[in-house]
N, C-alpha and C. Protein backbone atom coordinates (compact mmCIF):
# COMPACT_ATOMS: atom_id res chain seq x y z
N UNK A 1 122.71 -107.50 36.33
CA UNK A 1 123.89 -108.34 36.39
C UNK A 1 125.06 -107.54 35.70
N UNK A 2 126.13 -107.53 36.39
CA UNK A 2 127.32 -106.81 35.83
C UNK A 2 128.26 -107.82 35.06
N UNK A 3 128.72 -107.53 33.92
CA UNK A 3 129.47 -108.36 33.08
C UNK A 3 130.86 -107.71 32.83
N UNK A 4 131.92 -108.45 33.28
CA UNK A 4 133.37 -108.11 33.08
C UNK A 4 133.94 -109.06 32.08
N UNK A 5 134.54 -108.47 30.96
CA UNK A 5 135.08 -109.27 29.88
C UNK A 5 136.49 -109.03 29.95
N UNK A 6 137.25 -110.17 29.95
CA UNK A 6 138.71 -110.07 29.89
C UNK A 6 139.34 -110.93 28.67
N UNK A 7 140.38 -110.46 27.95
CA UNK A 7 140.95 -111.24 27.00
C UNK A 7 142.28 -111.51 27.19
N UNK A 8 142.83 -112.67 26.94
CA UNK A 8 144.13 -113.10 27.06
C UNK A 8 144.59 -113.66 25.64
N UNK A 9 145.47 -113.00 25.02
CA UNK A 9 145.93 -113.27 23.66
C UNK A 9 144.68 -113.13 22.64
N UNK A 10 143.64 -112.35 23.11
CA UNK A 10 142.50 -112.15 22.18
C UNK A 10 142.19 -110.65 22.33
N UNK A 11 142.02 -109.98 21.19
CA UNK A 11 141.44 -108.64 21.31
C UNK A 11 139.90 -108.64 21.57
N UNK A 12 139.60 -107.93 22.68
CA UNK A 12 138.08 -107.85 23.01
C UNK A 12 137.45 -106.65 22.29
N UNK A 13 136.69 -107.13 21.27
CA UNK A 13 136.09 -106.20 20.30
C UNK A 13 134.66 -105.86 20.82
N UNK A 14 134.01 -104.75 20.30
CA UNK A 14 132.72 -104.53 20.65
C UNK A 14 131.72 -105.53 20.19
N UNK A 15 132.05 -106.22 19.12
CA UNK A 15 131.27 -107.34 18.59
C UNK A 15 131.22 -108.54 19.60
N UNK A 16 132.47 -108.84 20.10
CA UNK A 16 132.47 -109.91 21.14
C UNK A 16 131.71 -109.55 22.44
N UNK A 17 131.80 -108.32 22.87
CA UNK A 17 131.07 -107.76 24.00
C UNK A 17 129.53 -107.92 23.84
N UNK A 18 129.08 -107.56 22.54
CA UNK A 18 127.71 -107.67 22.33
C UNK A 18 127.29 -109.11 22.28
N UNK A 19 128.06 -109.93 21.65
CA UNK A 19 127.70 -111.30 21.64
C UNK A 19 127.53 -112.01 23.01
N UNK A 20 128.55 -111.63 23.93
CA UNK A 20 128.53 -112.16 25.25
C UNK A 20 127.34 -111.65 26.04
N UNK A 21 127.01 -110.27 25.82
CA UNK A 21 125.80 -109.69 26.49
C UNK A 21 124.55 -110.42 25.98
N UNK A 22 124.42 -110.73 24.75
CA UNK A 22 123.24 -111.29 24.18
C UNK A 22 123.14 -112.83 24.67
N UNK A 23 124.24 -113.52 24.66
CA UNK A 23 124.26 -114.91 25.04
C UNK A 23 123.86 -115.04 26.53
N UNK A 24 124.40 -114.25 27.35
CA UNK A 24 124.07 -114.45 28.83
C UNK A 24 122.86 -113.55 29.27
N UNK A 25 122.01 -113.17 28.36
CA UNK A 25 120.77 -112.48 28.73
C UNK A 25 119.85 -113.41 29.48
N UNK A 26 119.78 -114.67 28.99
CA UNK A 26 119.05 -115.64 29.82
C UNK A 26 119.40 -115.84 31.29
N UNK A 27 120.74 -115.96 31.49
CA UNK A 27 121.29 -116.09 32.82
C UNK A 27 120.87 -114.79 33.70
N UNK A 28 120.91 -113.61 32.94
CA UNK A 28 120.73 -112.30 33.59
C UNK A 28 119.33 -112.33 34.07
N UNK A 29 118.31 -112.89 33.35
CA UNK A 29 116.90 -112.89 33.85
C UNK A 29 116.74 -113.80 34.96
N UNK A 30 117.59 -114.77 35.21
CA UNK A 30 117.51 -115.86 36.30
C UNK A 30 118.03 -115.28 37.58
N UNK A 31 119.06 -114.43 37.50
CA UNK A 31 119.69 -113.96 38.73
C UNK A 31 119.34 -112.56 39.13
N UNK A 32 119.68 -112.14 40.34
CA UNK A 32 119.29 -110.70 40.71
C UNK A 32 120.45 -109.79 40.18
N UNK A 33 120.20 -108.57 40.46
CA UNK A 33 121.01 -107.45 39.89
C UNK A 33 122.36 -107.42 40.48
N UNK A 34 122.51 -107.84 41.76
CA UNK A 34 123.78 -107.80 42.44
C UNK A 34 124.79 -108.83 41.94
N UNK A 35 124.44 -109.74 41.09
CA UNK A 35 125.34 -110.79 40.56
C UNK A 35 126.36 -110.28 39.62
N UNK A 36 127.47 -110.77 39.70
CA UNK A 36 128.57 -110.37 38.79
C UNK A 36 129.16 -111.54 37.94
N UNK A 37 129.21 -111.27 36.64
CA UNK A 37 129.65 -112.33 35.68
C UNK A 37 131.00 -111.84 35.17
N UNK A 38 131.97 -112.87 35.25
CA UNK A 38 133.35 -112.61 34.83
C UNK A 38 133.59 -113.55 33.67
N UNK A 39 133.80 -113.07 32.53
CA UNK A 39 134.17 -113.89 31.32
C UNK A 39 135.56 -113.68 30.86
N UNK A 40 136.34 -114.74 30.73
CA UNK A 40 137.76 -114.62 30.32
C UNK A 40 137.78 -115.43 29.08
N UNK A 41 138.43 -114.78 28.03
CA UNK A 41 138.63 -115.37 26.71
C UNK A 41 140.06 -115.63 26.48
N UNK A 42 140.44 -116.90 26.19
CA UNK A 42 141.84 -117.26 25.90
C UNK A 42 142.03 -117.77 24.57
N UNK A 43 143.18 -117.55 23.98
CA UNK A 43 143.54 -118.28 22.76
C UNK A 43 144.87 -118.84 23.00
N UNK A 44 144.95 -120.22 22.83
CA UNK A 44 146.16 -120.98 23.00
C UNK A 44 146.98 -120.86 21.74
N UNK A 45 148.39 -120.73 22.02
CA UNK A 45 149.24 -120.55 20.98
C UNK A 45 149.93 -121.79 20.61
N UNK A 46 149.65 -122.84 21.25
CA UNK A 46 150.30 -124.22 20.97
C UNK A 46 149.61 -124.77 19.71
N UNK A 47 150.43 -125.00 18.60
CA UNK A 47 149.89 -125.57 17.45
C UNK A 47 149.37 -126.96 17.51
N UNK A 48 149.80 -127.81 18.54
CA UNK A 48 149.28 -129.06 18.71
C UNK A 48 148.01 -129.18 19.36
N UNK A 49 147.43 -128.07 19.92
CA UNK A 49 146.15 -128.07 20.51
C UNK A 49 145.11 -127.81 19.41
N UNK A 50 144.14 -128.68 19.25
CA UNK A 50 143.10 -128.41 18.21
C UNK A 50 142.14 -127.49 18.50
N UNK A 51 141.65 -127.39 19.77
CA UNK A 51 140.61 -126.44 20.09
C UNK A 51 141.38 -125.24 20.85
N UNK A 52 141.70 -124.31 20.10
CA UNK A 52 142.45 -123.25 20.61
C UNK A 52 141.80 -122.19 21.42
N UNK A 53 140.48 -122.08 21.23
CA UNK A 53 139.73 -120.97 21.84
C UNK A 53 139.19 -121.48 23.14
N UNK A 54 139.46 -120.77 24.30
CA UNK A 54 138.95 -121.25 25.56
C UNK A 54 138.12 -120.08 26.22
N UNK A 55 137.07 -120.49 26.88
CA UNK A 55 136.33 -119.38 27.61
C UNK A 55 136.05 -119.95 28.97
N UNK A 56 136.40 -119.19 29.97
CA UNK A 56 136.06 -119.46 31.39
C UNK A 56 135.11 -118.48 31.88
N UNK A 57 133.97 -118.90 32.53
CA UNK A 57 133.11 -118.03 32.95
C UNK A 57 132.78 -118.27 34.51
N UNK A 58 132.73 -117.11 35.29
CA UNK A 58 132.51 -117.27 36.70
C UNK A 58 131.45 -116.33 37.12
N UNK A 59 130.29 -116.94 37.76
CA UNK A 59 129.23 -116.08 38.17
C UNK A 59 129.23 -116.07 39.70
N UNK A 60 129.44 -114.73 40.19
CA UNK A 60 129.40 -114.51 41.71
C UNK A 60 127.98 -114.11 42.06
N UNK A 61 127.36 -114.87 42.90
CA UNK A 61 126.01 -114.55 43.42
C UNK A 61 126.06 -114.56 44.95
N UNK A 62 125.15 -114.15 45.65
CA UNK A 62 125.16 -114.10 47.13
C UNK A 62 125.12 -115.51 47.72
N UNK A 63 126.33 -115.87 48.23
CA UNK A 63 126.40 -117.20 48.88
C UNK A 63 126.96 -118.21 47.98
N UNK A 64 127.11 -118.07 46.72
CA UNK A 64 127.53 -119.17 45.80
C UNK A 64 128.31 -118.58 44.67
N UNK A 65 129.23 -119.41 44.15
CA UNK A 65 129.94 -118.98 42.94
C UNK A 65 129.87 -120.20 42.03
N UNK A 66 129.47 -119.83 40.79
CA UNK A 66 129.27 -120.92 39.77
C UNK A 66 130.33 -120.66 38.65
N UNK A 67 130.89 -121.77 38.15
CA UNK A 67 131.91 -121.69 37.18
C UNK A 67 131.59 -122.65 35.92
N UNK A 68 131.97 -122.22 34.78
CA UNK A 68 131.93 -123.10 33.54
C UNK A 68 133.15 -122.68 32.70
N UNK A 69 133.68 -123.76 32.03
CA UNK A 69 134.76 -123.59 31.18
C UNK A 69 134.68 -124.49 29.95
N UNK A 70 134.98 -123.98 28.82
CA UNK A 70 134.88 -124.84 27.64
C UNK A 70 135.87 -124.42 26.58
N UNK A 71 136.31 -125.41 25.73
CA UNK A 71 137.17 -125.13 24.62
C UNK A 71 136.50 -125.48 23.28
N UNK A 72 136.82 -124.71 22.25
CA UNK A 72 136.42 -124.98 20.93
C UNK A 72 137.37 -124.36 19.94
N UNK A 73 137.03 -124.67 18.61
CA UNK A 73 137.82 -124.10 17.56
C UNK A 73 137.40 -122.68 17.24
N UNK A 74 136.12 -122.33 17.63
CA UNK A 74 135.52 -121.01 17.41
C UNK A 74 135.18 -120.35 18.65
N UNK A 75 135.55 -119.13 18.87
CA UNK A 75 135.31 -118.40 20.17
C UNK A 75 133.81 -118.24 20.46
N UNK A 76 133.03 -117.97 19.37
CA UNK A 76 131.59 -117.96 19.65
C UNK A 76 130.91 -119.13 20.05
N UNK A 77 131.44 -120.31 19.58
CA UNK A 77 130.96 -121.60 19.97
C UNK A 77 131.24 -121.97 21.40
N UNK A 78 132.51 -121.63 21.72
CA UNK A 78 132.91 -121.82 23.13
C UNK A 78 132.15 -120.95 24.10
N UNK A 79 131.77 -119.72 23.68
CA UNK A 79 130.84 -118.90 24.53
C UNK A 79 129.58 -119.53 24.67
N UNK A 80 128.98 -119.97 23.59
CA UNK A 80 127.67 -120.65 23.59
C UNK A 80 127.64 -121.92 24.57
N UNK A 81 128.66 -122.66 24.49
CA UNK A 81 128.71 -123.91 25.33
C UNK A 81 128.86 -123.48 26.80
N UNK A 82 129.59 -122.47 27.12
CA UNK A 82 129.67 -121.99 28.56
C UNK A 82 128.33 -121.48 29.01
N UNK A 83 127.71 -120.64 28.08
CA UNK A 83 126.32 -120.15 28.45
C UNK A 83 125.37 -121.23 28.79
N UNK A 84 125.33 -122.31 27.99
CA UNK A 84 124.43 -123.42 28.25
C UNK A 84 124.77 -124.14 29.65
N UNK A 85 126.10 -124.25 29.82
CA UNK A 85 126.40 -124.99 31.13
C UNK A 85 126.09 -124.08 32.31
N UNK A 86 126.37 -122.79 32.28
CA UNK A 86 126.07 -121.91 33.38
C UNK A 86 124.66 -121.70 33.55
N UNK A 87 123.87 -121.74 32.57
CA UNK A 87 122.45 -121.54 32.57
C UNK A 87 121.87 -122.75 33.35
N UNK A 88 122.37 -123.92 32.94
CA UNK A 88 121.89 -125.23 33.67
C UNK A 88 122.25 -125.10 35.24
N UNK A 89 123.45 -124.67 35.47
CA UNK A 89 123.85 -124.65 36.96
C UNK A 89 122.98 -123.57 37.68
N UNK A 90 122.55 -122.37 37.13
CA UNK A 90 121.83 -121.41 37.75
C UNK A 90 120.41 -121.94 37.95
N UNK A 91 119.93 -122.63 36.94
CA UNK A 91 118.46 -123.20 37.02
C UNK A 91 118.57 -124.21 38.20
N UNK A 92 119.51 -125.11 38.25
CA UNK A 92 119.54 -126.10 39.33
C UNK A 92 119.60 -125.48 40.72
N UNK A 93 120.41 -124.43 40.88
CA UNK A 93 120.49 -123.67 42.09
C UNK A 93 119.25 -123.02 42.55
N UNK A 94 118.63 -122.35 41.53
CA UNK A 94 117.37 -121.66 41.86
C UNK A 94 116.29 -122.72 42.19
N UNK A 95 116.22 -123.77 41.51
CA UNK A 95 115.19 -124.80 41.86
C UNK A 95 115.43 -125.36 43.22
N UNK A 96 116.71 -125.54 43.54
CA UNK A 96 116.98 -126.15 44.91
C UNK A 96 116.47 -125.21 45.94
N UNK A 97 116.79 -123.83 45.72
CA UNK A 97 116.46 -122.85 46.70
C UNK A 97 114.85 -122.84 46.80
N UNK A 98 114.16 -122.89 45.78
CA UNK A 98 112.77 -122.80 45.67
C UNK A 98 112.20 -124.05 46.49
N UNK A 99 112.67 -125.29 46.20
CA UNK A 99 112.16 -126.47 46.88
C UNK A 99 112.38 -126.31 48.36
N UNK A 100 113.48 -125.88 48.75
CA UNK A 100 113.79 -125.72 50.20
C UNK A 100 112.63 -124.77 50.86
N UNK A 101 112.48 -123.60 50.17
CA UNK A 101 111.47 -122.60 50.59
C UNK A 101 110.11 -123.11 50.69
N UNK A 102 109.67 -123.93 49.67
CA UNK A 102 108.45 -124.61 49.68
C UNK A 102 108.17 -125.65 50.76
N UNK A 103 109.33 -126.40 50.93
CA UNK A 103 109.28 -127.31 52.01
C UNK A 103 109.04 -126.65 53.40
N UNK A 104 109.74 -125.65 53.71
CA UNK A 104 109.65 -124.86 54.95
C UNK A 104 108.19 -124.25 55.00
N UNK A 105 107.74 -123.84 53.95
CA UNK A 105 106.40 -123.17 53.88
C UNK A 105 105.34 -124.17 54.29
N UNK A 106 105.45 -125.47 53.59
CA UNK A 106 104.40 -126.47 53.87
C UNK A 106 104.63 -126.99 55.31
N UNK A 107 105.81 -127.10 55.75
CA UNK A 107 106.02 -127.61 57.10
C UNK A 107 105.49 -126.66 58.07
N UNK A 108 105.61 -125.42 57.93
CA UNK A 108 104.96 -124.37 58.90
C UNK A 108 103.44 -124.44 58.87
N UNK A 109 102.90 -124.63 57.76
CA UNK A 109 101.47 -124.69 57.66
C UNK A 109 101.01 -126.06 58.28
N UNK A 110 101.69 -127.11 58.16
CA UNK A 110 101.36 -128.37 58.88
C UNK A 110 101.38 -128.28 60.35
N UNK A 111 102.33 -127.54 60.85
CA UNK A 111 102.44 -127.35 62.40
C UNK A 111 101.34 -126.50 62.83
N UNK A 112 101.01 -125.40 62.04
CA UNK A 112 99.88 -124.56 62.53
C UNK A 112 98.58 -125.21 62.43
N UNK A 113 98.28 -126.11 61.37
CA UNK A 113 97.16 -126.80 61.18
C UNK A 113 96.85 -127.77 62.31
N UNK A 114 97.92 -128.52 62.74
CA UNK A 114 97.83 -129.47 63.82
C UNK A 114 97.51 -128.83 65.17
N UNK A 115 98.02 -127.62 65.43
CA UNK A 115 97.70 -126.94 66.74
C UNK A 115 96.35 -126.39 66.80
N UNK A 116 95.79 -126.03 65.65
CA UNK A 116 94.41 -125.52 65.57
C UNK A 116 93.35 -126.64 65.74
N UNK A 117 93.60 -127.82 65.24
CA UNK A 117 92.63 -128.81 65.22
C UNK A 117 92.66 -129.50 66.54
N UNK A 118 93.64 -129.42 67.41
CA UNK A 118 93.66 -130.18 68.67
C UNK A 118 92.80 -129.47 69.70
């Protein structure tokens, strides 16, 4: 999985890059190598906004695009929340594909079994 990290009003340090890479390692194991992950880090400059740190994550996979966004007072916590949400979405998508594949597989066995017994 390719990870692209962008910062708006936030300096993208090597420490942040490493944190994002470690956090999204679970998602990396769930998707294939052609997937692209785009992580955007924002810092709101409005003093009336309590959760100034915002993270938007977009995962581009074959045939589907998954998105997660979260705000927090700490950038690392916002990254963690986005990772959890995206991981849940990826798991749901993979389970849905697996169930469809199993259903077609069982359906084809049922049709072949019926034709053999007749």
